[in-house]
Amino acid sequence: MKKLLPALLAVTVLLPMRSAEARTVYRCVRGNTVSLATAPEPGSKCVAKEIDDNAAKLPNLWGDLGVINGTLYERQQDGKTVYSTRNLLGSTPVLKFFVQTPPGSPAHEGLGKVSKPRLDLFAKEFKAAAKKTHVDDAFLRAIAHAESGFDERATSPKGAQGVMQLMPDTARELGVADPYAHGQSIGGGARLLQKLLVLYKGDYSRAAAAYNAGTGAVAKYGGIPPYRETVDYVQKVDALHAAYRMAMKLPPLQPLLRAAQ
């Protein structure tokens, strides 16, 4: 499947038709969590919702939660194949779904690929910026690697520029006169990451998410925004951060703490 579907659409596509123009989805609540399913879930309070196949817009069955990222699971129940967005015993994942990135959001996948660490590129500039801002040198390099692959002339489809892929407005706010000058770009990116790490109390994953999608998106979702681009980006940066710390012979970060050092 080339394009992952939102949870509600995925459920309605997979479940059998009740009539020529309608399908049934069960909204199931357990504790403070909501799931959508093609049959009532054991242990949950479920209400049947009929979905009109001809509706111009699918209804929001998630309630105040909004549509969130997650996984659609398949399992056998009472001799039938059922689907649910809750991982119950005996479930098998079928597909993942994400919130669509809002138009105008800076969220992006990143231009750089996950490849072996490069310690030889702009080493002096990274070391100086890390020392001045107290941002982990390995994290700074991981961001640059994920953003541009260290290409100082890189320009993203959304207009981000240079090694650290700073948007023009952000570059000006950071005092970066030439975002294509690698020294200025690295220094500006380090200052931005310094602010983000202070804001998120040293949480590297949230800092990376905000660098990618903005602090507003992180605040809205109370953590990493459930956009496919941002989720993939944060996973890429996390992997690169660990790889750079290993290449620089630094101790691995504690996975639950991830505090800036």
C-alpha atoms as a PDB file:
ATOM      1  CA  MET A   1       0.000   0.000   0.000  1.00  0.00           C
ATOM      2  CA  LYS A   2       1.707   3.173  -1.194  1.00  0.00           C
ATOM      3  CA  LYS A   3      -0.185   5.552   1.038  1.00  0.00           C
ATOM      4  CA  LEU A   4      -1.138   4.807   4.653  1.00  0.00           C
ATOM      5  CA  LEU A   5      -4.724   5.732   5.423  1.00  0.00           C
ATOM      6  CA  PRO A   6      -6.082   7.585   8.436  1.00  0.00           C
ATOM      7  CA  ALA A   7      -7.440   5.218  11.059  1.00  0.00           C
ATOM      8  CA  LEU A   8     -11.118   5.807  10.449  1.00  0.00           C
ATOM      9  CA  LEU A   9     -10.782   5.476   6.688  1.00  0.00           C
ATOM     10  CA  ALA A  10      -8.694   2.318   7.106  1.00  0.00           C
ATOM     11  CA  VAL A  11     -11.310   0.733   9.337  1.00  0.00           C
ATOM     12  CA  THR A  12     -14.196   1.599   7.032  1.00  0.00           C
ATOM     13  CA  VAL A  13     -12.331   0.286   4.007  1.00  0.00           C
ATOM     14  CA  LEU A  14     -11.466  -3.020   5.643  1.00  0.00           C
ATOM     15  CA  LEU A  15     -14.778  -3.863   7.270  1.00  0.00           C
ATOM     16  CA  PRO A  16     -17.583  -5.504   5.263  1.00  0.00           C
ATOM     17  CA  MET A  17     -20.497  -3.414   4.078  1.00  0.00           C
ATOM     18  CA  ARG A  18     -23.646  -3.558   6.161  1.00  0.00           C
ATOM     19  CA  SER A  19     -25.679  -2.230   3.228  1.00  0.00           C
ATOM     20  CA  ALA A  20     -25.034  -0.734  -0.159  1.00  0.00           C
ATOM     21  CA  GLU A  21     -24.451   2.693   1.370  1.00  0.00           C
ATOM     22  CA  ALA A  22     -23.389   2.226   4.982  1.00  0.00           C
ATOM     23  CA  ARG A  23     -20.793   0.562   7.221  1.00  0.00           C
ATOM     24  CA  THR A  24     -20.579   0.126  10.965  1.00  0.00           C
ATOM     25  CA  VAL A  25     -17.650   1.171  13.125  1.00  0.00           C
ATOM     26  CA  TYR A  26     -17.523   0.647  16.881  1.00  0.00           C
ATOM     27  CA  ARG A  27     -16.142   3.455  19.033  1.00  0.00           C
ATOM     28  CA  CYS A  28     -14.687   1.679  22.048  1.00  0.00           C
ATOM     29  CA  VAL A  29     -13.589   3.390  25.265  1.00  0.00           C
ATOM     30  CA  ARG A  30     -11.361   1.802  27.897  1.00  0.00           C
ATOM     31  CA  GLY A  31     -10.100   3.994  30.702  1.00  0.00           C
ATOM     32  CA  ASN A  32      -9.074   7.239  29.044  1.00  0.00           C
ATOM     33  CA  THR A  33      -8.307   5.726  25.646  1.00  0.00           C
ATOM     34  CA  VAL A  34     -10.442   5.488  22.516  1.00  0.00           C
ATOM     35  CA  SER A  35     -10.181   2.926  19.738  1.00  0.00           C
ATOM     36  CA  LEU A  36     -12.116   2.189  16.560  1.00  0.00           C
ATOM     37  CA  ALA A  37     -13.039  -1.388  15.661  1.00  0.00           C
ATOM     38  CA  THR A  38     -15.148  -3.486  13.326  1.00  0.00           C
ATOM     39  CA  ALA A  39     -16.664  -5.398  16.272  1.00  0.00           C
ATOM     40  CA  PRO A  40     -17.214  -4.637  19.976  1.00  0.00           C
ATOM     41  CA  GLU A  41     -13.942  -5.061  21.897  1.00  0.00           C
ATOM     42  CA  PRO A  42     -13.906  -7.297  24.972  1.00  0.00           C
ATOM     43  CA  GLY A  43     -13.269  -5.186  28.064  1.00  0.00           C
ATOM     44  CA  SER A  44     -14.246  -1.890  26.422  1.00  0.00           C
ATOM     45  CA  LYS A  45     -17.460   0.103  26.363  1.00  0.00           C
ATOM     46  CA  CYS A  46     -18.386   0.239  22.685  1.00  0.00           C
ATOM     47  CA  VAL A  47     -21.008   2.183  20.757  1.00  0.00           C
ATOM     48  CA  ALA A  48     -21.906   1.341  17.157  1.00  0.00           C
ATOM     49  CA  LYS A  49     -21.590   4.189  14.671  1.00  0.00           C
ATOM     50  CA  GLU A  50     -23.009   3.912  11.168  1.00  0.00           C
ATOM     51  CA  ILE A  51     -20.846   5.505   8.460  1.00  0.00           C
ATOM     52  CA  ASP A  52     -22.511   6.748   5.277  1.00  0.00           C
ATOM     53  CA  ASP A  53     -20.398   5.696   2.291  1.00  0.00           C
ATOM     54  CA  ASN A  54     -21.664   8.708   0.364  1.00  0.00           C
ATOM     55  CA  ALA A  55     -20.744  11.263   3.030  1.00  0.00           C
ATOM     56  CA  ALA A  56     -18.611  14.116   1.727  1.00  0.00           C
ATOM     57  CA  LYS A  57     -16.518  14.027   4.921  1.00  0.00           C
ATOM     58  CA  LEU A  58     -15.880  11.195   7.363  1.00  0.00           C
ATOM     59  CA  PRO A  59     -17.049  11.960  10.911  1.00  0.00           C
ATOM     60  CA  ASN A  60     -14.558  12.350  13.759  1.00  0.00           C
ATOM     61  CA  LEU A  61     -15.213   9.370  16.030  1.00  0.00           C
ATOM     62  CA  TRP A  62     -12.122  10.082  18.139  1.00  0.00           C
ATOM     63  CA  GLY A  63     -13.834  12.953  19.963  1.00  0.00           C
ATOM     64  CA  ASP A  64     -11.653  15.573  21.624  1.00  0.00           C
ATOM     65  CA  LEU A  65      -8.570  13.442  21.018  1.00  0.00           C
ATOM     66  CA  GLY A  66      -8.613  14.227  17.324  1.00  0.00           C
ATOM     67  CA  VAL A  67      -7.193  11.686  14.881  1.00  0.00           C
ATOM     68  CA  ILE A  68      -3.860  10.455  16.190  1.00  0.00           C
ATOM     69  CA  ASN A  69      -1.126   8.286  14.745  1.00  0.00           C
ATOM     70  CA  GLY A  70      -1.230   4.607  15.530  1.00  0.00           C
ATOM     71  CA  THR A  71      -1.604   1.114  14.100  1.00  0.00           C
ATOM     72  CA  LEU A  72      -4.519  -0.882  12.718  1.00  0.00           C
ATOM     73  CA  TYR A  73      -4.533  -4.474  14.033  1.00  0.00           C
ATOM     74  CA  GLU A  74      -6.193  -7.682  12.829  1.00  0.00           C
ATOM     75  CA  ARG A  75      -7.305 -10.526  15.106  1.00  0.00           C
ATOM     76  CA  GLN A  76      -9.789 -13.392  15.287  1.00  0.00           C
ATOM     77  CA  GLN A  77     -12.847 -12.911  17.497  1.00  0.00           C
ATOM     78  CA  ASP A  78     -15.756 -15.378  17.711  1.00  0.00           C
ATOM     79  CA  GLY A  79     -14.531 -17.089  14.563  1.00  0.00           C
ATOM     80  CA  LYS A  80     -14.418 -13.888  12.548  1.00  0.00           C
ATOM     81  CA  THR A  81     -11.625 -11.568  11.403  1.00  0.00           C
ATOM     82  CA  VAL A  82     -11.973  -8.176  13.068  1.00  0.00           C
ATOM     83  CA  TYR A  83      -9.924  -4.995  12.930  1.00  0.00           C
ATOM     84  CA  SER A  84      -9.163  -2.527  15.688  1.00  0.00           C
ATOM     85  CA  THR A  85      -6.850   0.358  16.474  1.00  0.00           C
ATOM     86  CA  ARG A  86      -6.201  -1.224  19.904  1.00  0.00           C
ATOM     87  CA  ASN A  87      -3.519  -3.897  20.294  1.00  0.00           C
ATOM     88  CA  LEU A  88      -5.440  -6.710  21.976  1.00  0.00           C
ATOM     89  CA  LEU A  89      -4.194 -10.222  22.696  1.00  0.00           C
ATOM     90  CA  GLY A  90      -3.647 -12.171  19.485  1.00  0.00           C
ATOM     91  CA  SER A  91      -3.542  -9.066  17.291  1.00  0.00           C
ATOM     92  CA  THR A  92      -1.342  -8.698  14.222  1.00  0.00           C
ATOM     93  CA  PRO A  93      -0.411  -5.236  12.891  1.00  0.00           C
ATOM     94  CA  VAL A  94      -1.840  -4.498   9.441  1.00  0.00           C
ATOM     95  CA  LEU A  95      -0.819  -0.901   8.740  1.00  0.00           C
ATOM     96  CA  LYS A  96       0.264   2.315  10.441  1.00  0.00           C
ATOM     97  CA  PHE A  97      -1.558   5.607  10.089  1.00  0.00           C
ATOM     98  CA  PHE A  98      -0.549   9.195  10.710  1.00  0.00           C
ATOM     99  CA  VAL A  99      -2.068  12.637  10.943  1.00  0.00           C
ATOM    100  CA  GLN A 100      -1.717  14.538   7.699  1.00  0.00           C
ATOM    101  CA  THR A 101       0.840  17.316   8.041  1.00  0.00           C
ATOM    102  CA  PRO A 102      -1.027  20.647   7.953  1.00  0.00           C
ATOM    103  CA  PRO A 103      -0.458  22.849   4.894  1.00  0.00           C
ATOM    104  CA  GLY A 104       2.251  25.402   5.606  1.00  0.00           C
ATOM    105  CA  SER A 105       3.877  23.336   8.343  1.00  0.00           C
ATOM    106  CA  PRO A 106       7.705  23.273   8.243  1.00  0.00           C
ATOM    107  CA  ALA A 107       7.664  19.533   9.001  1.00  0.00           C
ATOM    108  CA  HIS A 108       9.787  17.561   6.557  1.00  0.00           C
ATOM    109  CA  GLU A 109      11.533  14.221   6.242  1.00  0.00           C
ATOM    110  CA  GLY A 110      14.993  15.750   6.007  1.00  0.00           C
ATOM    111  CA  LEU A 111      17.353  15.813   3.056  1.00  0.00           C
ATOM    112  CA  GLY A 112      20.114  13.707   4.602  1.00  0.00           C
ATOM    113  CA  LYS A 113      20.086   9.915   4.641  1.00  0.00           C
ATOM    114  CA  VAL A 114      20.958   7.699   7.581  1.00  0.00           C
ATOM    115  CA  SER A 115      24.491   6.654   6.754  1.00  0.00           C
ATOM    116  CA  LYS A 116      27.782   6.260   8.593  1.00  0.00           C
ATOM    117  CA  PRO A 117      28.839   9.164  10.830  1.00  0.00           C
ATOM    118  CA  ARG A 118      31.110  11.760   9.233  1.00  0.00           C
ATOM    119  CA  LEU A 119      33.441  13.257  11.813  1.00  0.00           C
ATOM    120  CA  ASP A 120      35.682  14.917   9.230  1.00  0.00           C
ATOM    121  CA  LEU A 121      33.148  17.453   7.955  1.00  0.00           C
ATOM    122  CA  PHE A 122      33.233  20.920   9.557  1.00  0.00           C
ATOM    123  CA  ALA A 123      34.743  19.401  12.714  1.00  0.00           C
ATOM    124  CA  LYS A 124      36.147  22.730  13.922  1.00  0.00           C
ATOM    125  CA  GLU A 125      32.830  24.523  13.521  1.00  0.00           C
ATOM    126  CA  PHE A 126      30.791  21.823  15.238  1.00  0.00           C
ATOM    127  CA  LYS A 127      33.214  21.664  18.159  1.00  0.00           C
ATOM    128  CA  ALA A 128      33.194  25.445  18.594  1.00  0.00           C
ATOM    129  CA  ALA A 129      29.394  25.729  18.362  1.00  0.00           C
ATOM    130  CA  ALA A 130      28.896  22.844  20.807  1.00  0.00           C
ATOM    131  CA  LYS A 131      31.312  24.387  23.287  1.00  0.00           C
ATOM    132  CA  LYS A 132      29.694  27.825  23.065  1.00  0.00           C
ATOM    133  CA  THR A 133      26.095  26.638  23.414  1.00  0.00           C
ATOM    134  CA  HIS A 134      26.656  23.518  25.565  1.00  0.00           C
ATOM    135  CA  VAL A 135      24.707  21.457  23.023  1.00  0.00           C
ATOM    136  CA  ASP A 136      25.964  17.888  22.683  1.00  0.00           C
ATOM    137  CA  ASP A 137      28.356  17.875  19.706  1.00  0.00           C
ATOM    138  CA  ALA A 138      26.995  14.486  18.622  1.00  0.00           C
ATOM    139  CA  PHE A 139      23.417  15.792  18.641  1.00  0.00           C
ATOM    140  CA  LEU A 140      24.388  18.855  16.640  1.00  0.00           C
ATOM    141  CA  ARG A 141      26.042  16.638  14.025  1.00  0.00           C
ATOM    142  CA  ALA A 142      23.045  14.280  14.000  1.00  0.00           C
ATOM    143  CA  ILE A 143      20.720  17.179  13.147  1.00  0.00           C
ATOM    144  CA  ALA A 144      23.029  18.402  10.373  1.00  0.00           C
ATOM    145  CA  HIS A 145      23.350  14.857   9.011  1.00  0.00           C
ATOM    146  CA  ALA A 146      19.572  14.347   8.985  1.00  0.00           C
ATOM    147  CA  GLU A 147      18.817  17.815   7.643  1.00  0.00           C
ATOM    148  CA  SER A 148      21.244  18.251   4.768  1.00  0.00           C
ATOM    149  CA  GLY A 149      23.793  15.453   4.751  1.00  0.00           C
ATOM    150  CA  PHE A 150      26.285  18.297   5.513  1.00  0.00           C
ATOM    151  CA  ASP A 151      25.577  19.975   2.170  1.00  0.00           C
ATOM    152  CA  GLU A 152      26.148  23.685   2.793  1.00  0.00           C
ATOM    153  CA  ARG A 153      24.381  24.590  -0.474  1.00  0.00           C
ATOM    154  CA  ALA A 154      21.293  22.485   0.228  1.00  0.00           C
ATOM    155  CA  THR A 155      17.870  24.081  -0.195  1.00  0.00           C
ATOM    156  CA  SER A 156      14.753  22.142   0.760  1.00  0.00           C
ATOM    157  CA  PRO A 157      11.452  22.231  -1.171  1.00  0.00           C
ATOM    158  CA  LYS A 158      10.040  24.294   1.710  1.00  0.00           C
ATOM    159  CA  GLY A 159      12.857  26.858   1.532  1.00  0.00           C
ATOM    160  CA  ALA A 160      15.179  25.751   4.346  1.00  0.00           C
ATOM    161  CA  GLN A 161      18.807  26.551   3.639  1.00  0.00           C
ATOM    162  CA  GLY A 162      22.324  25.389   4.389  1.00  0.00           C
ATOM    163  CA  VAL A 163      23.910  22.710   6.556  1.00  0.00           C
ATOM    164  CA  MET A 164      21.375  23.140   9.364  1.00  0.00           C
ATOM    165  CA  GLN A 165      18.456  23.841   6.980  1.00  0.00           C
ATOM    166  CA  LEU A 166      17.367  27.072   8.635  1.00  0.00           C
ATOM    167  CA  MET A 167      14.251  28.757   7.296  1.00  0.00           C
ATOM    168  CA  PRO A 168      14.973  32.362   6.196  1.00  0.00           C
ATOM    169  CA  ASP A 169      12.903  33.944   8.989  1.00  0.00           C
ATOM    170  CA  THR A 170      14.511  31.679  11.592  1.00  0.00           C
ATOM    171  CA  ALA A 171      17.978  32.456  10.263  1.00  0.00           C
ATOM    172  CA  ARG A 172      17.343  36.189  10.626  1.00  0.00           C
ATOM    173  CA  GLU A 173      16.040  35.737  14.182  1.00  0.00           C
ATOM    174  CA  LEU A 174      19.212  33.830  15.036  1.00  0.00           C
ATOM    175  CA  GLY A 175      21.436  36.513  13.558  1.00  0.00           C
ATOM    176  CA  VAL A 176      22.572  34.371  10.637  1.00  0.00           C
ATOM    177  CA  ALA A 177      23.423  36.716   7.754  1.00  0.00           C
ATOM    178  CA  ASP A 178      24.310  33.973   5.263  1.00  0.00           C
ATOM    179  CA  PRO A 179      22.596  30.609   5.932  1.00  0.00           C
ATOM    180  CA  TYR A 180      24.708  29.013   3.195  1.00  0.00           C
ATOM    181  CA  ALA A 181      27.928  29.818   5.061  1.00  0.00           C
ATOM    182  CA  HIS A 182      28.498  26.575   6.965  1.00  0.00           C
ATOM    183  CA  GLY A 183      30.012  28.260  10.028  1.00  0.00           C
ATOM    184  CA  GLN A 184      27.097  30.645  10.418  1.00  0.00           C
ATOM    185  CA  SER A 185      24.563  27.901   9.764  1.00  0.00           C
ATOM    186  CA  ILE A 186      26.075  25.554  12.347  1.00  0.00           C
ATOM    187  CA  GLY A 187      26.302  28.354  14.900  1.00  0.00           C
ATOM    188  CA  GLY A 188      22.700  29.397  14.297  1.00  0.00           C
ATOM    189  CA  GLY A 189      21.440  25.828  14.436  1.00  0.00           C
ATOM    190  CA  ALA A 190      23.292  25.285  17.706  1.00  0.00           C
ATOM    191  CA  ARG A 191      21.720  28.403  19.243  1.00  0.00           C
ATOM    192  CA  LEU A 192      18.269  27.225  18.188  1.00  0.00           C
ATOM    193  CA  LEU A 193      18.863  23.742  19.602  1.00  0.00           C
ATOM    194  CA  GLN A 194      20.149  25.281  22.819  1.00  0.00           C
ATOM    195  CA  LYS A 195      16.843  27.125  23.248  1.00  0.00           C
ATOM    196  CA  LEU A 196      14.830  24.007  22.451  1.00  0.00           C
ATOM    197  CA  LEU A 197      16.766  21.810  24.866  1.00  0.00           C
ATOM    198  CA  VAL A 198      16.223  24.376  27.636  1.00  0.00           C
ATOM    199  CA  LEU A 199      12.512  24.544  26.772  1.00  0.00           C
ATOM    200  CA  TYR A 200      12.123  20.735  26.849  1.00  0.00           C
ATOM    201  CA  LYS A 201      14.423  20.192  29.830  1.00  0.00           C
ATOM    202  CA  GLY A 202      17.027  18.281  27.866  1.00  0.00           C
ATOM    203  CA  ASP A 203      14.621  16.006  25.962  1.00  0.00           C
ATOM    204  CA  TYR A 204      16.453  15.439  22.690  1.00  0.00           C
ATOM    205  CA  SER A 205      13.496  13.816  20.927  1.00  0.00           C
ATOM    206  CA  ARG A 206      11.180  16.748  21.613  1.00  0.00           C
ATOM    207  CA  ALA A 207      13.900  19.196  20.643  1.00  0.00           C
ATOM    208  CA  ALA A 208      14.337  17.365  17.325  1.00  0.00           C
ATOM    209  CA  ALA A 209      10.563  17.329  16.794  1.00  0.00           C
ATOM    210  CA  ALA A 210      10.346  21.084  17.413  1.00  0.00           C
ATOM    211  CA  TYR A 211      13.325  21.710  15.118  1.00  0.00           C
ATOM    212  CA  ASN A 212      11.385  19.825  12.446  1.00  0.00           C
ATOM    213  CA  ALA A 213       7.753  20.868  12.967  1.00  0.00           C
ATOM    214  CA  GLY A 214       7.907  23.870  15.290  1.00  0.00           C
ATOM    215  CA  THR A 215       7.257  24.384  18.993  1.00  0.00           C
ATOM    216  CA  GLY A 216       3.583  25.053  18.323  1.00  0.00           C
ATOM    217  CA  ALA A 217       3.033  21.549  16.969  1.00  0.00           C
ATOM    218  CA  VAL A 218       4.863  19.999  19.932  1.00  0.00           C
ATOM    219  CA  ALA A 219       2.724  22.026  22.346  1.00  0.00           C
ATOM    220  CA  LYS A 220      -0.489  21.104  20.519  1.00  0.00           C
ATOM    221  CA  TYR A 221       0.135  17.368  20.828  1.00  0.00           C
ATOM    222  CA  GLY A 222       2.012  17.423  24.135  1.00  0.00           C
ATOM    223  CA  GLY A 223       5.019  15.727  22.536  1.00  0.00           C
ATOM    224  CA  ILE A 224       6.192  14.563  19.127  1.00  0.00           C
ATOM    225  CA  PRO A 225       3.554  15.600  16.564  1.00  0.00           C
ATOM    226  CA  PRO A 226       1.955  12.550  14.919  1.00  0.00           C
ATOM    227  CA  TYR A 227       2.942  13.640  11.410  1.00  0.00           C
ATOM    228  CA  ARG A 228       4.611  10.934   9.349  1.00  0.00           C
ATOM    229  CA  GLU A 229       7.421  13.323   8.370  1.00  0.00           C
ATOM    230  CA  THR A 230       8.153  14.319  11.959  1.00  0.00           C
ATOM    231  CA  VAL A 231       7.922  10.815  13.437  1.00  0.00           C
ATOM    232  CA  ASP A 232      10.326   9.511  10.776  1.00  0.00           C
ATOM    233  CA  TYR A 233      12.612  12.512  11.251  1.00  0.00           C
ATOM    234  CA  VAL A 234      12.869  12.094  15.024  1.00  0.00           C
ATOM    235  CA  GLN A 235      13.617   8.377  14.647  1.00  0.00           C
ATOM    236  CA  LYS A 236      16.336   9.250  12.119  1.00  0.00           C
ATOM    237  CA  VAL A 237      17.895  11.851  14.435  1.00  0.00           C
ATOM    238  CA  ASP A 238      17.734   9.505  17.436  1.00  0.00           C
ATOM    239  CA  ALA A 239      19.568   6.808  15.469  1.00  0.00           C
ATOM    240  CA  LEU A 240      22.164   9.259  14.186  1.00  0.00           C
ATOM    241  CA  HIS A 241      22.668  10.763  17.642  1.00  0.00           C
ATOM    242  CA  ALA A 242      23.464   7.339  19.057  1.00  0.00           C
ATOM    243  CA  ALA A 243      25.775   6.580  16.115  1.00  0.00           C
ATOM    244  CA  TYR A 244      27.692   9.837  16.516  1.00  0.00           C
ATOM    245  CA  ARG A 245      28.123   9.361  20.244  1.00  0.00           C
ATOM    246  CA  MET A 246      29.530   5.903  19.568  1.00  0.00           C
ATOM    247  CA  ALA A 247      31.839   7.211  16.820  1.00  0.00           C
ATOM    248  CA  MET A 248      33.053   9.956  19.164  1.00  0.00           C
ATOM    249  CA  LYS A 249      33.628   7.358  21.912  1.00  0.00           C
ATOM    250  CA  LEU A 250      31.024   8.944  24.196  1.00  0.00           C
ATOM    251  CA  PRO A 251      28.870   6.869  26.551  1.00  0.00           C
ATOM    252  CA  PRO A 252      25.383   5.994  25.231  1.00  0.00           C
ATOM    253  CA  LEU A 253      22.480   8.072  26.476  1.00  0.00           C
ATOM    254  CA  GLN A 254      20.100   6.559  28.976  1.00  0.00           C
ATOM    255  CA  PRO A 255      16.954   5.809  26.898  1.00  0.00           C
ATOM    256  CA  LEU A 256      14.514   6.953  29.574  1.00  0.00           C
ATOM    257  CA  LEU A 257      16.415  10.059  30.593  1.00  0.00           C
ATOM    258  CA  ARG A 258      17.835  11.402  27.345  1.00  0.00           C
ATOM    259  CA  ALA A 259      19.021  14.429  29.283  1.00  0.00           C
ATOM    260  CA  ALA A 260      21.361  16.877  27.599  1.00  0.00           C
ATOM    261  CA  GLN A 261      24.930  16.578  28.755  1.00  0.00           C
END
